[in-house]
Amino acid sequence: MNSPQISKEKNLEKYSNIVAHKVHNGFKIVETNESLPYSVLFREGKEMNNNLNFLLFCATFGLWTVPWIYISQVASKPKKILVGIDEDGEPFEEKCYME
């Protein structure tokens, strides 16, 4: 009879660990709800130094193009994610669409 309660506590602990890990990696908690539970986390985009990237592009004869595109299009964008516990009791994480 204690198995569902223990499982629920383990899932809440997993949820808390996921949120703590994301906060440690630079995310900020925007919204949280303890009764459901879920949290919305947000991280600002990173500033890019295009002059340095252009110098790397020239020094590598264009091979730096792929990392430069990745940095400018993916890594430097702001991110918003939702972390919560689904109806089965398992923790999940998914991207939120930015407005």
N, C-alpha and C. Protein backbone atom coordinates (compact mmCIF):
# COMPACT_ATOMS: atom_id res chain seq x y z
N MET A 1 0.80 -1.21 0.00
CA MET A 1 0.00 0.00 0.00
C MET A 1 0.84 1.27 0.00
N ASN A 2 2.06 1.19 0.50
CA ASN A 2 2.93 2.36 0.54
C ASN A 2 3.64 2.61 -0.78
N SER A 3 3.57 1.67 -1.70
CA SER A 3 4.30 1.78 -2.95
C SER A 3 3.90 3.02 -3.77
N PRO A 4 2.59 3.33 -3.95
CA PRO A 4 2.26 4.55 -4.71
C PRO A 4 2.78 5.82 -4.05
N GLN A 5 2.76 5.88 -2.73
CA GLN A 5 3.25 7.07 -2.03
C GLN A 5 4.76 7.22 -2.21
N ILE A 6 5.48 6.11 -2.12
CA ILE A 6 6.94 6.15 -2.31
C ILE A 6 7.27 6.55 -3.74
N SER A 7 6.52 6.01 -4.69
CA SER A 7 6.74 6.36 -6.09
C SER A 7 6.47 7.84 -6.34
N LYS A 8 5.43 8.36 -5.72
CA LYS A 8 5.10 9.78 -5.88
C LYS A 8 6.22 10.65 -5.30
N GLU A 9 6.76 10.25 -4.16
CA GLU A 9 7.84 11.01 -3.55
C GLU A 9 9.10 10.95 -4.41
N LYS A 10 9.39 9.80 -5.00
CA LYS A 10 10.56 9.68 -5.89
C LYS A 10 10.40 10.57 -7.11
N ASN A 11 9.19 10.60 -7.68
CA ASN A 11 8.95 11.44 -8.86
C ASN A 11 9.05 12.92 -8.51
N LEU A 12 8.57 13.31 -7.32
CA LEU A 12 8.73 14.71 -6.89
C LEU A 12 10.19 15.05 -6.68
N GLU A 13 10.96 14.09 -6.19
CA GLU A 13 12.39 14.32 -6.01
C GLU A 13 13.09 14.46 -7.37
N LYS A 14 12.70 13.63 -8.35
CA LYS A 14 13.26 13.75 -9.70
C LYS A 14 12.93 15.12 -10.29
N TYR A 15 11.68 15.55 -10.12
CA TYR A 15 11.23 16.85 -10.61
C TYR A 15 12.06 17.97 -9.98
N SER A 16 12.25 17.90 -8.68
CA SER A 16 13.04 18.91 -7.98
C SER A 16 14.49 18.93 -8.45
N ASN A 17 15.05 17.75 -8.70
CA ASN A 17 16.42 17.67 -9.19
C ASN A 17 16.56 18.27 -10.58
N ILE A 18 15.57 18.03 -11.45
CA ILE A 18 15.60 18.59 -12.80
C ILE A 18 15.57 20.12 -12.72
N VAL A 19 14.66 20.66 -11.91
CA VAL A 19 14.55 22.12 -11.78
C VAL A 19 15.83 22.70 -11.19
N ALA A 20 16.38 22.06 -10.17
CA ALA A 20 17.62 22.55 -9.55
C ALA A 20 18.78 22.53 -10.56
N HIS A 21 18.84 21.49 -11.37
CA HIS A 21 19.90 21.39 -12.38
C HIS A 21 19.76 22.51 -13.42
N LYS A 22 18.53 22.78 -13.85
CA LYS A 22 18.31 23.84 -14.84
C LYS A 22 18.64 25.22 -14.26
N VAL A 23 18.28 25.46 -13.01
CA VAL A 23 18.59 26.74 -12.37
C VAL A 23 20.10 26.89 -12.24
N HIS A 24 20.79 25.81 -11.93
CA HIS A 24 22.25 25.83 -11.84
C HIS A 24 22.88 26.16 -13.19
N ASN A 25 22.23 25.76 -14.29
CA ASN A 25 22.75 26.01 -15.64
C ASN A 25 22.31 27.36 -16.21
N GLY A 26 21.76 28.25 -15.39
CA GLY A 26 21.47 29.61 -15.83
C GLY A 26 20.02 29.93 -16.09
N PHE A 27 19.11 29.00 -15.93
CA PHE A 27 17.69 29.28 -16.10
C PHE A 27 17.15 29.98 -14.87
N LYS A 28 16.12 30.79 -15.06
CA LYS A 28 15.41 31.45 -13.95
C LYS A 28 13.97 30.95 -13.94
N ILE A 29 13.44 30.76 -12.76
CA ILE A 29 12.05 30.29 -12.63
C ILE A 29 11.13 31.48 -12.86
N VAL A 30 10.27 31.36 -13.89
CA VAL A 30 9.33 32.42 -14.24
C VAL A 30 7.99 32.17 -13.55
N GLU A 31 7.56 30.93 -13.56
CA GLU A 31 6.25 30.58 -13.00
C GLU A 31 6.36 29.18 -12.40
N THR A 32 5.68 28.98 -11.28
CA THR A 32 5.68 27.66 -10.66
C THR A 32 4.32 27.40 -10.03
N ASN A 33 3.95 26.13 -9.97
CA ASN A 33 2.69 25.72 -9.36
C ASN A 33 2.97 24.45 -8.57
N GLU A 34 2.82 24.51 -7.27
CA GLU A 34 3.15 23.38 -6.42
C GLU A 34 2.03 22.34 -6.38
N SER A 35 0.80 22.72 -6.69
CA SER A 35 -0.30 21.76 -6.60
C SER A 35 -0.33 20.80 -7.79
N LEU A 36 0.18 21.22 -8.97
CA LEU A 36 0.10 20.32 -10.13
C LEU A 36 1.28 19.36 -10.27
N PRO A 37 2.45 19.48 -9.99
CA PRO A 37 3.43 20.56 -9.98
C PRO A 37 4.06 20.77 -11.35
N TYR A 38 4.39 22.02 -11.63
CA TYR A 38 5.12 22.36 -12.84
C TYR A 38 5.85 23.67 -12.62
N SER A 39 6.86 23.92 -13.44
CA SER A 39 7.62 25.17 -13.40
C SER A 39 7.95 25.58 -14.83
N VAL A 40 7.89 26.87 -15.09
CA VAL A 40 8.32 27.43 -16.36
C VAL A 40 9.63 28.14 -16.10
N LEU A 41 10.66 27.77 -16.88
CA LEU A 41 12.00 28.33 -16.70
C LEU A 41 12.41 29.09 -17.95
N PHE A 42 13.20 30.15 -17.77
CA PHE A 42 13.60 31.01 -18.88
C PHE A 42 15.09 31.32 -18.78
N ARG A 43 15.78 31.32 -19.92
CA ARG A 43 17.19 31.71 -19.98
C ARG A 43 17.36 32.70 -21.12
N GLU A 44 18.03 33.81 -20.82
CA GLU A 44 18.29 34.84 -21.82
C GLU A 44 19.24 34.32 -22.88
N GLY A 45 19.20 34.91 -24.05
CA GLY A 45 20.13 34.57 -25.11
C GLY A 45 21.52 35.11 -24.79
N LYS A 46 22.51 34.47 -25.36
CA LYS A 46 23.89 34.88 -25.12
C LYS A 46 24.32 35.89 -26.17
N GLU A 47 25.19 36.81 -25.77
CA GLU A 47 25.74 37.78 -26.71
C GLU A 47 26.79 37.10 -27.59
N MET A 48 26.79 37.45 -28.85
CA MET A 48 27.77 36.90 -29.79
C MET A 48 28.79 37.95 -30.17
N ASN A 49 30.02 37.52 -30.29
CA ASN A 49 31.08 38.41 -30.76
C ASN A 49 31.31 38.08 -32.24
N ASN A 50 30.63 38.80 -33.13
CA ASN A 50 30.72 38.52 -34.56
C ASN A 50 32.10 38.82 -35.13
N ASN A 51 32.79 39.79 -34.56
CA ASN A 51 34.14 40.10 -35.05
C ASN A 51 35.08 38.92 -34.82
N LEU A 52 35.03 38.33 -33.62
CA LEU A 52 35.85 37.17 -33.32
C LEU A 52 35.47 35.99 -34.23
N ASN A 53 34.17 35.78 -34.42
CA ASN A 53 33.73 34.69 -35.29
C ASN A 53 34.18 34.90 -36.73
N PHE A 54 34.17 36.15 -37.19
CA PHE A 54 34.64 36.42 -38.55
C PHE A 54 36.13 36.13 -38.68
N LEU A 55 36.91 36.50 -37.66
CA LEU A 55 38.35 36.21 -37.68
C LEU A 55 38.60 34.70 -37.70
N LEU A 56 37.82 33.95 -36.91
CA LEU A 56 37.94 32.49 -36.93
C LEU A 56 37.54 31.92 -38.29
N PHE A 57 36.52 32.50 -38.89
CA PHE A 57 36.08 32.10 -40.23
C PHE A 57 37.22 32.27 -41.24
N CYS A 58 37.88 33.43 -41.19
CA CYS A 58 38.99 33.70 -42.12
C CYS A 58 40.20 32.80 -41.84
N ALA A 59 40.49 32.59 -40.55
CA ALA A 59 41.67 31.80 -40.18
C ALA A 59 41.51 30.32 -40.55
N THR A 60 40.27 29.83 -40.57
CA THR A 60 40.04 28.42 -40.89
C THR A 60 39.57 28.24 -42.33
N PHE A 61 39.70 29.27 -43.14
CA PHE A 61 39.29 29.23 -44.56
C PHE A 61 37.85 28.78 -44.74
N GLY A 62 36.98 29.28 -43.89
CA GLY A 62 35.55 29.02 -44.04
C GLY A 62 35.02 27.83 -43.26
N LEU A 63 35.89 27.04 -42.64
CA LEU A 63 35.41 25.88 -41.88
C LEU A 63 34.65 26.27 -40.63
N TRP A 64 34.85 27.49 -40.16
CA TRP A 64 34.16 27.96 -38.96
C TRP A 64 32.72 28.35 -39.27
N THR A 65 32.27 28.25 -40.52
CA THR A 65 30.92 28.64 -40.90
C THR A 65 29.85 27.84 -40.16
N VAL A 66 30.01 26.53 -40.10
CA VAL A 66 28.99 25.67 -39.46
C VAL A 66 28.84 25.99 -37.97
N PRO A 67 29.93 26.04 -37.19
CA PRO A 67 29.75 26.41 -35.78
C PRO A 67 29.21 27.83 -35.60
N TRP A 68 29.61 28.75 -36.47
CA TRP A 68 29.13 30.12 -36.37
C TRP A 68 27.63 30.18 -36.61
N ILE A 69 27.14 29.47 -37.60
CA ILE A 69 25.69 29.43 -37.85
C ILE A 69 24.96 28.80 -36.68
N TYR A 70 25.50 27.72 -36.13
CA TYR A 70 24.87 27.08 -34.97
C TYR A 70 24.81 28.04 -33.78
N ILE A 71 25.91 28.71 -33.51
CA ILE A 71 25.95 29.65 -32.39
C ILE A 71 24.96 30.78 -32.59
N SER A 72 24.90 31.32 -33.80
CA SER A 72 24.03 32.47 -34.05
C SER A 72 22.55 32.10 -34.12
N GLN A 73 22.23 30.91 -34.59
CA GLN A 73 20.82 30.54 -34.78
C GLN A 73 20.23 29.72 -33.64
N VAL A 74 21.04 28.96 -32.93
CA VAL A 74 20.51 28.05 -31.92
C VAL A 74 20.96 28.44 -30.51
N ALA A 75 22.23 28.49 -30.29
CA ALA A 75 22.75 28.66 -28.94
C ALA A 75 22.54 30.06 -28.37
N SER A 76 22.47 31.08 -29.20
CA SER A 76 22.37 32.44 -28.68
C SER A 76 20.92 32.89 -28.49
N LYS A 77 19.95 32.09 -28.84
CA LYS A 77 18.54 32.47 -28.70
C LYS A 77 18.07 32.27 -27.26
N PRO A 78 17.12 33.09 -26.80
CA PRO A 78 16.55 32.85 -25.47
C PRO A 78 15.75 31.54 -25.46
N LYS A 79 15.72 30.87 -24.33
CA LYS A 79 15.02 29.59 -24.23
C LYS A 79 14.03 29.62 -23.09
N LYS A 80 12.89 28.98 -23.32
CA LYS A 80 11.85 28.85 -22.31
C LYS A 80 11.42 27.40 -22.28
N ILE A 81 11.44 26.77 -21.11
CA ILE A 81 11.07 25.36 -21.01
C ILE A 81 10.06 25.16 -19.88
N LEU A 82 9.33 24.08 -20.00
CA LEU A 82 8.34 23.67 -18.99
C LEU A 82 8.82 22.37 -18.40
N VAL A 83 8.92 22.31 -17.08
CA VAL A 83 9.28 21.09 -16.37
C VAL A 83 8.12 20.78 -15.44
N GLY A 84 7.65 19.54 -15.49
CA GLY A 84 6.52 19.17 -14.65
C GLY A 84 6.41 17.68 -14.48
N ILE A 85 5.30 17.27 -13.87
CA ILE A 85 4.99 15.86 -13.69
C ILE A 85 3.70 15.58 -14.45
N ASP A 86 3.74 14.57 -15.35
CA ASP A 86 2.58 14.27 -16.17
C ASP A 86 1.55 13.45 -15.40
N GLU A 87 0.46 13.08 -16.09
CA GLU A 87 -0.64 12.37 -15.44
C GLU A 87 -0.25 10.97 -14.97
N ASP A 88 0.82 10.41 -15.52
CA ASP A 88 1.30 9.10 -15.07
C ASP A 88 2.24 9.22 -13.88
N GLY A 89 2.57 10.44 -13.49
CA GLY A 89 3.44 10.66 -12.35
C GLY A 89 4.90 10.77 -12.68
N GLU A 90 5.24 10.76 -13.97
CA GLU A 90 6.64 10.84 -14.40
C GLU A 90 7.04 12.28 -14.70
N PRO A 91 8.23 12.70 -14.28
CA PRO A 91 8.70 14.05 -14.62
C PRO A 91 8.97 14.18 -16.12
N PHE A 92 8.70 15.36 -16.67
CA PHE A 92 8.96 15.61 -18.09
C PHE A 92 9.50 17.02 -18.26
N GLU A 93 10.06 17.25 -19.44
CA GLU A 93 10.61 18.55 -19.80
C GLU A 93 10.31 18.80 -21.28
N GLU A 94 9.78 19.97 -21.60
CA GLU A 94 9.53 20.29 -23.00
C GLU A 94 9.72 21.77 -23.25
N LYS A 95 9.97 22.10 -24.52
CA LYS A 95 10.20 23.49 -24.90
C LYS A 95 8.87 24.24 -24.94
N CYS A 96 8.91 25.49 -24.54
CA CYS A 96 7.76 26.38 -24.69
C CYS A 96 8.02 27.26 -25.90
N TYR A 97 6.99 27.60 -26.62
CA TYR A 97 7.15 28.48 -27.77
C TYR A 97 7.24 29.91 -27.31
N MET A 98 8.20 30.63 -27.87
CA MET A 98 8.40 32.03 -27.52
C MET A 98 7.42 32.88 -28.32
N GLU A 99 7.00 33.97 -27.73
CA GLU A 99 6.03 34.86 -28.38
C GLU A 99 6.70 35.88 -29.24
